[in-house]
PDB file of N, CA and C in Angstrom:
ATOM      1  N   MET A   1      98.247 118.112  96.327  1.00  0.00           N
ATOM      2  CA  MET A   1      98.690 116.980  95.525  1.00  0.00           C
ATOM      3  C   MET A   1     100.152 116.637  95.806  1.00  0.00           C
ATOM      4  N   VAL A   2     100.950 117.604  96.209  1.00  0.00           N
ATOM      5  CA  VAL A   2     102.355 117.344  96.524  1.00  0.00           C
ATOM      6  C   VAL A   2     102.462 116.364  97.683  1.00  0.00           C
ATOM      7  N   GLU A   3     101.543 116.471  98.637  1.00  0.00           N
ATOM      8  CA  GLU A   3     101.558 115.581  99.793  1.00  0.00           C
ATOM      9  C   GLU A   3     101.473 114.110  99.358  1.00  0.00           C
ATOM     10  N   ASP A   4     100.607 113.797  98.396  1.00  0.00           N
ATOM     11  CA  ASP A   4     100.498 112.422  97.910  1.00  0.00           C
ATOM     12  C   ASP A   4     101.813 111.930  97.326  1.00  0.00           C
ATOM     13  N   TYR A   5     102.495 112.796  96.609  1.00  0.00           N
ATOM     14  CA  TYR A   5     103.758 112.411  95.973  1.00  0.00           C
ATOM     15  C   TYR A   5     104.833 112.101  97.014  1.00  0.00           C
ATOM     16  N   GLU A   6     104.897 112.890  98.060  1.00  0.00           N
ATOM     17  CA  GLU A   6     105.976 112.754  99.040  1.00  0.00           C
ATOM     18  C   GLU A   6     105.680 111.731 100.130  1.00  0.00           C
ATOM     19  N   THR A   7     104.437 111.364 100.318  1.00  0.00           N
ATOM     20  CA  THR A   7     104.053 110.480 101.410  1.00  0.00           C
ATOM     21  C   THR A   7     103.888 109.052 100.905  1.00  0.00           C
ATOM     22  N   THR A   8     104.558 108.116 101.590  1.00  0.00           N
ATOM     23  CA  THR A   8     104.301 106.703 101.298  1.00  0.00           C
ATOM     24  C   THR A   8     103.541 106.115 102.475  1.00  0.00           C
ATOM     25  N   GLN A   9     102.776 105.094 102.186  1.00  0.00           N
ATOM     26  CA  GLN A   9     101.991 104.437 103.223  1.00  0.00           C
ATOM     27  C   GLN A   9     102.357 102.964 103.254  1.00  0.00           C
ATOM     28  N   GLU A  10     102.368 102.399 104.452  1.00  0.00           N
ATOM     29  CA  GLU A  10     102.648 100.967 104.581  1.00  0.00           C
ATOM     30  C   GLU A  10     101.417 100.173 104.190  1.00  0.00           C
ATOM     31  N   ILE A  11     101.681  98.976 103.666  1.00  0.00           N
ATOM     32  CA  ILE A  11     100.608  98.061 103.308  1.00  0.00           C
ATOM     33  C   ILE A  11     101.087  96.647 103.592  1.00  0.00           C
ATOM     34  N   GLU A  12     100.187  95.822 104.095  1.00  0.00           N
ATOM     35  CA  GLU A  12     100.504  94.421 104.390  1.00  0.00           C
ATOM     36  C   GLU A  12      99.480  93.523 103.719  1.00  0.00           C
ATOM     37  N   ILE A  13      99.956  92.381 103.248  1.00  0.00           N
ATOM     38  CA  ILE A  13      99.057  91.367 102.710  1.00  0.00           C
ATOM     39  C   ILE A  13      99.506  90.011 103.234  1.00  0.00           C
ATOM     40  N   GLU A  14      98.589  89.065 103.216  1.00  0.00           N
ATOM     41  CA  GLU A  14      98.929  87.682 103.533  1.00  0.00           C
ATOM     42  C   GLU A  14      98.820  86.894 102.236  1.00  0.00           C
ATOM     43  N   PHE A  15      99.874  86.164 101.912  1.00  0.00           N
ATOM     44  CA  PHE A  15      99.896  85.362 100.695  1.00  0.00           C
ATOM     45  C   PHE A  15     100.457  83.992 101.040  1.00  0.00           C
ATOM     46  N   ASN A  16      99.678  82.952 100.827  1.00  0.00           N
ATOM     47  CA  ASN A  16     100.075  81.573 101.155  1.00  0.00           C
ATOM     48  C   ASN A  16     100.545  81.431 102.603  1.00  0.00           C
ATOM     49  N   GLY A  17      99.849  82.099 103.507  1.00  0.00           N
ATOM     50  CA  GLY A  17     100.165  81.982 104.928  1.00  0.00           C
ATOM     51  C   GLY A  17     101.358  82.803 105.389  1.00  0.00           C
ATOM     52  N   VAL A  18     101.936  83.619 104.495  1.00  0.00           N
ATOM     53  CA  VAL A  18     103.093  84.454 104.842  1.00  0.00           C
ATOM     54  C   VAL A  18     102.677  85.911 104.701  1.00  0.00           C
ATOM     55  N   TRP A  19     103.090  86.734 105.665  1.00  0.00           N
ATOM     56  CA  TRP A  19     102.788  88.161 105.618  1.00  0.00           C
ATOM     57  C   TRP A  19     103.895  88.896 104.869  1.00  0.00           C
ATOM     58  N   PHE A  20     103.486  89.779 103.984  1.00  0.00           N
ATOM     59  CA  PHE A  20     104.401  90.610 103.214  1.00  0.00           C
ATOM     60  C   PHE A  20     104.065  92.076 103.488  1.00  0.00           C
ATOM     61  N   ARG A  21     105.103  92.876 103.641  1.00  0.00           N
ATOM     62  CA  ARG A  21     104.907  94.298 103.921  1.00  0.00           C
ATOM     63  C   ARG A  21     105.645  95.117 102.869  1.00  0.00           C
ATOM     64  N   GLY A  22     104.938  96.089 102.342  1.00  0.00           N
ATOM     65  CA  GLY A  22     105.532  96.994 101.363  1.00  0.00           C
ATOM     66  C   GLY A  22     105.088  98.413 101.642  1.00  0.00           C
ATOM     67  N   ARG A  23     105.414  99.300 100.729  1.00  0.00           N
ATOM     68  CA  ARG A  23     104.991 100.691 100.840  1.00  0.00           C
ATOM     69  C   ARG A  23     104.412 101.109  99.503  1.00  0.00           C
ATOM     70  N   TYR A  24     103.507 102.070  99.537  1.00  0.00           N
ATOM     71  CA  TYR A  24     102.966 102.576  98.280  1.00  0.00           C
ATOM     72  C   TYR A  24     102.734 104.072  98.358  1.00  0.00           C
ATOM     73  N   ARG A  25     102.668 104.674  97.183  1.00  0.00           N
ATOM     74  CA  ARG A  25     102.311 106.090  97.079  1.00  0.00           C
ATOM     75  C   ARG A  25     101.412 106.255  95.873  1.00  0.00           C
ATOM     76  N   VAL A  26     100.667 107.340  95.858  1.00  0.00           N
ATOM     77  CA  VAL A  26      99.774 107.646  94.746  1.00  0.00           C
ATOM     78  C   VAL A  26     100.284 108.920  94.093  1.00  0.00           C
ATOM     79  N   MET A  27     100.447 108.858  92.773  1.00  0.00           N
ATOM     80  CA  MET A  27     100.976 110.007  92.054  1.00  0.00           C
ATOM     81  C   MET A  27     100.248 110.130  90.719  1.00  0.00           C
ATOM     82  N   ASN A  28      99.543 111.226  90.524  1.00  0.00           N
ATOM     83  CA  ASN A  28      98.828 111.488  89.266  1.00  0.00           C
ATOM     84  C   ASN A  28      97.949 110.325  88.820  1.00  0.00           C
ATOM     85  N   GLY A  29      97.184 109.760  89.738  1.00  0.00           N
ATOM     86  CA  GLY A  29      96.275 108.676  89.390  1.00  0.00           C
ATOM     87  C   GLY A  29      96.937 107.310  89.272  1.00  0.00           C
ATOM     88  N   THR A  30      98.218 107.226  89.613  1.00  0.00           N
ATOM     89  CA  THR A  30      98.961 105.972  89.535  1.00  0.00           C
ATOM     90  C   THR A  30      99.383 105.535  90.929  1.00  0.00           C
ATOM     91  N   VAL A  31      99.206 104.255  91.218  1.00  0.00           N
ATOM     92  CA  VAL A  31      99.655 103.685  92.483  1.00  0.00           C
ATOM     93  C   VAL A  31     101.013 103.037  92.228  1.00  0.00           C
ATOM     94  N   ILE A  32     102.001 103.377  93.046  1.00  0.00           N
ATOM     95  CA  ILE A  32     103.349 102.832  92.925  1.00  0.00           C
ATOM     96  C   ILE A  32     103.645 102.054  94.199  1.00  0.00           C
ATOM     97  N   VAL A  33     103.985 100.761  94.054  1.00  0.00           N
ATOM     98  CA  VAL A  33     104.263  99.898  95.202  1.00  0.00           C
ATOM     99  C   VAL A  33     105.741  99.548  95.218  1.00  0.00           C
ATOM    100  N   TYR A  34     106.329  99.649  96.407  1.00  0.00           N
ATOM    101  CA  TYR A  34     107.734  99.316  96.628  1.00  0.00           C
ATOM    102  C   TYR A  34     107.786  98.107  97.549  1.00  0.00           C
ATOM    103  N   PHE A  35     108.486  97.051  97.117  1.00  0.00           N
ATOM    104  CA  PHE A  35     108.606  95.843  97.919  1.00  0.00           C
ATOM    105  C   PHE A  35     109.981  95.250  97.666  1.00  0.00           C
ATOM    106  N   GLU A  36     110.771  95.115  98.730  1.00  0.00           N
ATOM    107  CA  GLU A  36     112.156  94.658  98.614  1.00  0.00           C
ATOM    108  C   GLU A  36     112.841  95.479  97.531  1.00  0.00           C
ATOM    109  N   ASN A  37     113.389  94.855  96.513  1.00  0.00           N
ATOM    110  CA  ASN A  37     114.041  95.600  95.428  1.00  0.00           C
ATOM    111  C   ASN A  37     113.142  95.764  94.219  1.00  0.00           C
ATOM    112  N   GLU A  38     111.859  95.576  94.398  1.00  0.00           N
ATOM    113  CA  GLU A  38     110.905  95.605  93.293  1.00  0.00           C
ATOM    114  C   GLU A  38     110.022  96.854  93.372  1.00  0.00           C
ATOM    115  N   ILE A  39     109.624  97.321  92.196  1.00  0.00           N
ATOM    116  CA  ILE A  39     108.666  98.421  92.086  1.00  0.00           C
ATOM    117  C   ILE A  39     107.650  98.013  91.028  1.00  0.00           C
ATOM    118  N   LYS A  40     106.391  98.242  91.319  1.00  0.00           N
ATOM    119  CA  LYS A  40     105.339  97.943  90.353  1.00  0.00           C
ATOM    120  C   LYS A  40     104.314  99.062  90.444  1.00  0.00           C
ATOM    121  N   PHE A  41     103.739  99.435  89.306  1.00  0.00           N
ATOM    122  CA  PHE A  41     102.776 100.528  89.324  1.00  0.00           C
ATOM    123  C   PHE A  41     101.626 100.248  88.366  1.00  0.00           C
ATOM    124  N   ALA A  42     100.494 100.878  88.660  1.00  0.00           N
ATOM    125  CA  ALA A  42      99.303 100.756  87.814  1.00  0.00           C
ATOM    126  C   ALA A  42      98.380 101.929  88.104  1.00  0.00           C
ATOM    127  N   SER A  43      97.568 102.254  87.138  1.00  0.00           N
ATOM    128  CA  SER A  43      96.555 103.289  87.306  1.00  0.00           C
ATOM    129  C   SER A  43      95.458 102.756  88.226  1.00  0.00           C
ATOM    130  N   HIS A  44      94.925 103.620  89.086  1.00  0.00           N
ATOM    131  CA  HIS A  44      93.859 103.126  89.964  1.00  0.00           C
ATOM    132  C   HIS A  44      92.476 103.428  89.423  1.00  0.00           C
ATOM    133  N   ASP A  45      92.354 104.204  88.361  1.00  0.00           N
ATOM    134  CA  ASP A  45      91.072 104.483  87.704  1.00  0.00           C
ATOM    135  C   ASP A  45      89.954 104.660  88.720  1.00  0.00           C
ATOM    136  N   MET A  46      88.951 103.778  88.672  1.00  0.00           N
ATOM    137  CA  MET A  46      87.785 103.897  89.556  1.00  0.00           C
ATOM    138  C   MET A  46      87.954 103.120  90.864  1.00  0.00           C
ATOM    139  N   ASN A  47      89.070 102.423  91.025  1.00  0.00           N
ATOM    140  CA  ASN A  47      89.313 101.629  92.236  1.00  0.00           C
ATOM    141  C   ASN A  47      89.998 102.481  93.298  1.00  0.00           C
ATOM    142  N   ARG A  48      89.859 102.063  94.546  1.00  0.00           N
ATOM    143  CA  ARG A  48      90.553 102.759  95.631  1.00  0.00           C
ATOM    144  C   ARG A  48      92.048 102.470  95.515  1.00  0.00           C
ATOM    145  N   PRO A  49      92.885 103.478  95.701  1.00  0.00           N
ATOM    146  CA  PRO A  49      94.336 103.279  95.594  1.00  0.00           C
ATOM    147  C   PRO A  49      94.872 102.189  96.516  1.00  0.00           C
ATOM    148  N   ASP A  50      94.337 102.079  97.745  1.00  0.00           N
ATOM    149  CA  ASP A  50      94.837 101.047  98.658  1.00  0.00           C
ATOM    150  C   ASP A  50      94.507  99.647  98.155  1.00  0.00           C
ATOM    151  N   MET A  51      93.379  99.491  97.466  1.00  0.00           N
ATOM    152  CA  MET A  51      93.020  98.186  96.904  1.00  0.00           C
ATOM    153  C   MET A  51      93.968  97.821  95.766  1.00  0.00           C
ATOM    154  N   VAL A  52      94.257  98.774  94.903  1.00  0.00           N
ATOM    155  CA  VAL A  52      95.199  98.537  93.803  1.00  0.00           C
ATOM    156  C   VAL A  52      96.577  98.214  94.379  1.00  0.00           C
ATOM    157  N   ALA A  53      96.973  98.899  95.441  1.00  0.00           N
ATOM    158  CA  ALA A  53      98.265  98.637  96.081  1.00  0.00           C
ATOM    159  C   ALA A  53      98.325  97.201  96.602  1.00  0.00           C
ATOM    160  N   ARG A  54      97.232  96.701  97.167  1.00  0.00           N
ATOM    161  CA  ARG A  54      97.191  95.306  97.635  1.00  0.00           C
ATOM    162  C   ARG A  54      97.348  94.324  96.476  1.00  0.00           C
ATOM    163  N   TRP A  55      96.678  94.600  95.362  1.00  0.00           N
ATOM    164  CA  TRP A  55      96.802  93.726  94.185  1.00  0.00           C
ATOM    165  C   TRP A  55      98.245  93.707  93.686  1.00  0.00           C
ATOM    166  N   LEU A  56      98.846  94.894  93.605  1.00  0.00           N
ATOM    167  CA  LEU A  56     100.224  94.979  93.116  1.00  0.00           C
ATOM    168  C   LEU A  56     101.193  94.279  94.064  1.00  0.00           C
ATOM    169  N   LEU A  57     101.004  94.464  95.366  1.00  0.00           N
ATOM    170  CA  LEU A  57     101.874  93.808  96.346  1.00  0.00           C
ATOM    171  C   LEU A  57     101.705  92.289  96.271  1.00  0.00           C
ATOM    172  N   THR A  58     100.483  91.816  96.067  1.00  0.00           N
ATOM    173  CA  THR A  58     100.261  90.377  95.919  1.00  0.00           C
ATOM    174  C   THR A  58     101.022  89.848  94.711  1.00  0.00           C
ATOM    175  N   ASP A  59     100.981  90.582  93.615  1.00  0.00           N
ATOM    176  CA  ASP A  59     101.703  90.165  92.420  1.00  0.00           C
ATOM    177  C   ASP A  59     103.212  90.124  92.676  1.00  0.00           C
ATOM    178  N   LEU A  60     103.733  91.122  93.370  1.00  0.00           N
ATOM    179  CA  LEU A  60     105.162  91.141  93.695  1.00  0.00           C
ATOM    180  C   LEU A  60     105.531  90.006  94.642  1.00  0.00           C
ATOM    181  N   ALA A  61     104.668  89.717  95.603  1.00  0.00           N
ATOM    182  CA  ALA A  61     104.928  88.616  96.536  1.00  0.00           C
ATOM    183  C   ALA A  61     104.961  87.291  95.789  1.00  0.00           C
ATOM    184  N   ARG A  62     104.041  87.104  94.847  1.00  0.00           N
ATOM    185  CA  ARG A  62     104.041  85.895  94.010  1.00  0.00           C
ATOM    186  C   ARG A  62     105.358  85.759  93.259  1.00  0.00           C
ATOM    187  N   ARG A  63     105.810  86.853  92.688  1.00  0.00           N
ATOM    188  CA  ARG A  63     107.046  86.848  91.909  1.00  0.00           C
ATOM    189  C   ARG A  63     108.243  86.477  92.786  1.00  0.00           C
ATOM    190  N   VAL A  64     108.329  87.054  93.970  1.00  0.00           N
ATOM    191  CA  VAL A  64     109.438  86.784  94.885  1.00  0.00           C
ATOM    192  C   VAL A  64     109.394  85.332  95.354  1.00  0.00           C
ATOM    193  N   GLU A  65     108.210  84.837  95.716  1.00  0.00           N
ATOM    194  CA  GLU A  65     108.078  83.446  96.164  1.00  0.00           C
ATOM    195  C   GLU A  65     108.436  82.475  95.035  1.00  0.00           C
ATOM    196  N   SER A  66     108.045  82.796  93.829  1.00  0.00           N
ATOM    197  CA  SER A  66     108.359  81.946  92.683  1.00  0.00           C
ATOM    198  C   SER A  66     109.875  81.870  92.472  1.00  0.00           C
ATOM    199  N   ARG A  67     110.542  83.002  92.581  1.00  0.00           N
ATOM    200  CA  ARG A  67     112.007  83.018  92.445  1.00  0.00           C
ATOM    201  C   ARG A  67     112.672  82.185  93.528  1.00  0.00           C
ATOM    202  N   LYS A  68     112.145  82.270  94.750  1.00  0.00           N
ATOM    203  CA  LYS A  68     112.718  81.492  95.856  1.00  0.00           C
ATOM    204  C   LYS A  68     112.550  80.004  95.601  1.00  0.00           C
ATOM    205  N   ARG A  69     111.362  79.593  95.122  1.00  0.00           N
ATOM    206  CA  ARG A  69     111.128  78.176  94.827  1.00  0.00           C
ATOM    207  C   ARG A  69     112.041  77.687  93.710  1.00  0.00           C
ATOM    208  N   LYS A  70     112.222  78.490  92.684  1.00  0.00           N
ATOM    209  CA  LYS A  70     113.089  78.108  91.570  1.00  0.00           C
ATOM    210  C   LYS A  70     114.539  77.993  92.027  1.00  0.00           C
ATOM    211  N   ALA A  71     114.973  78.902  92.911  1.00  0.00           N
ATOM    212  CA  ALA A  71     116.337  78.859  93.424  1.00  0.00           C
ATOM    213  C   ALA A  71     116.568  77.598  94.243  1.00  0.00           C
ATOM    214  N   VAL A  72     115.591  77.237  95.062  1.00  0.00           N
ATOM    215  CA  VAL A  72     115.697  76.047  95.905  1.00  0.00           C
ATOM    216  C   VAL A  72     115.677  74.790  95.051  1.00  0.00           C
ATOM    217  N   SER A  73     114.742  74.690  94.121  1.00  0.00           N
ATOM    218  CA  SER A  73     114.656  73.488  93.291  1.00  0.00           C
ATOM    219  C   SER A  73     115.812  73.414  92.316  1.00  0.00           C
ATOM    220  N   GLY A  74     116.297  74.554  91.854  1.00  0.00           N
ATOM    221  CA  GLY A  74     117.434  74.573  90.942  1.00  0.00           C
ATOM    222  C   GLY A  74     118.718  74.169  91.613  1.00  0.00           C
ATOM    223  N   GLY A  75     118.836  74.414  92.907  1.00  0.00           N
ATOM    224  CA  GLY A  75     120.040  74.074  93.643  1.00  0.00           C
ATOM    225  C   GLY A  75     120.124  72.605  93.990  1.00  0.00           C
ATOM    226  N   HIS A  76     118.968  71.901  93.992  1.00  0.00           N
ATOM    227  CA  HIS A  76     118.952  70.501  94.380  1.00  0.00           C
ATOM    228  C   HIS A  76     118.962  69.528  93.206  1.00  0.00           C
ATOM    229  N   SER A  77     118.643  70.015  92.021  1.00  0.00           N
ATOM    230  CA  SER A  77     118.629  69.098  90.867  1.00  0.00           C
ATOM    231  C   SER A  77     119.997  69.058  90.223  1.00  0.00           C
ATOM    232  N   SER A  78     120.531  67.847  90.046  1.00  0.00           N
ATOM    233  CA  SER A  78     121.855  67.706  89.477  1.00  0.00           C
ATOM    234  C   SER A  78     121.806  66.866  88.223  1.00  0.00           C
TER     235      SER A  78
END
């Protein structure tokens, strides 16, 4: 079980035509995803940890893209 804690695995997803790459690890039934400066975690219960990691990375990618859009639109409206 120590190996799972110390080992991270790369994961990639495509979201809106853009590829995002993060890392994840599994610890005590919880999947932890690291992406840029973000961390998100969830229990994997009956799901495969890599599938949960993809869902979490997709959510983080959505959040980052949303912030970028808000920054761009906020900078142009006067």
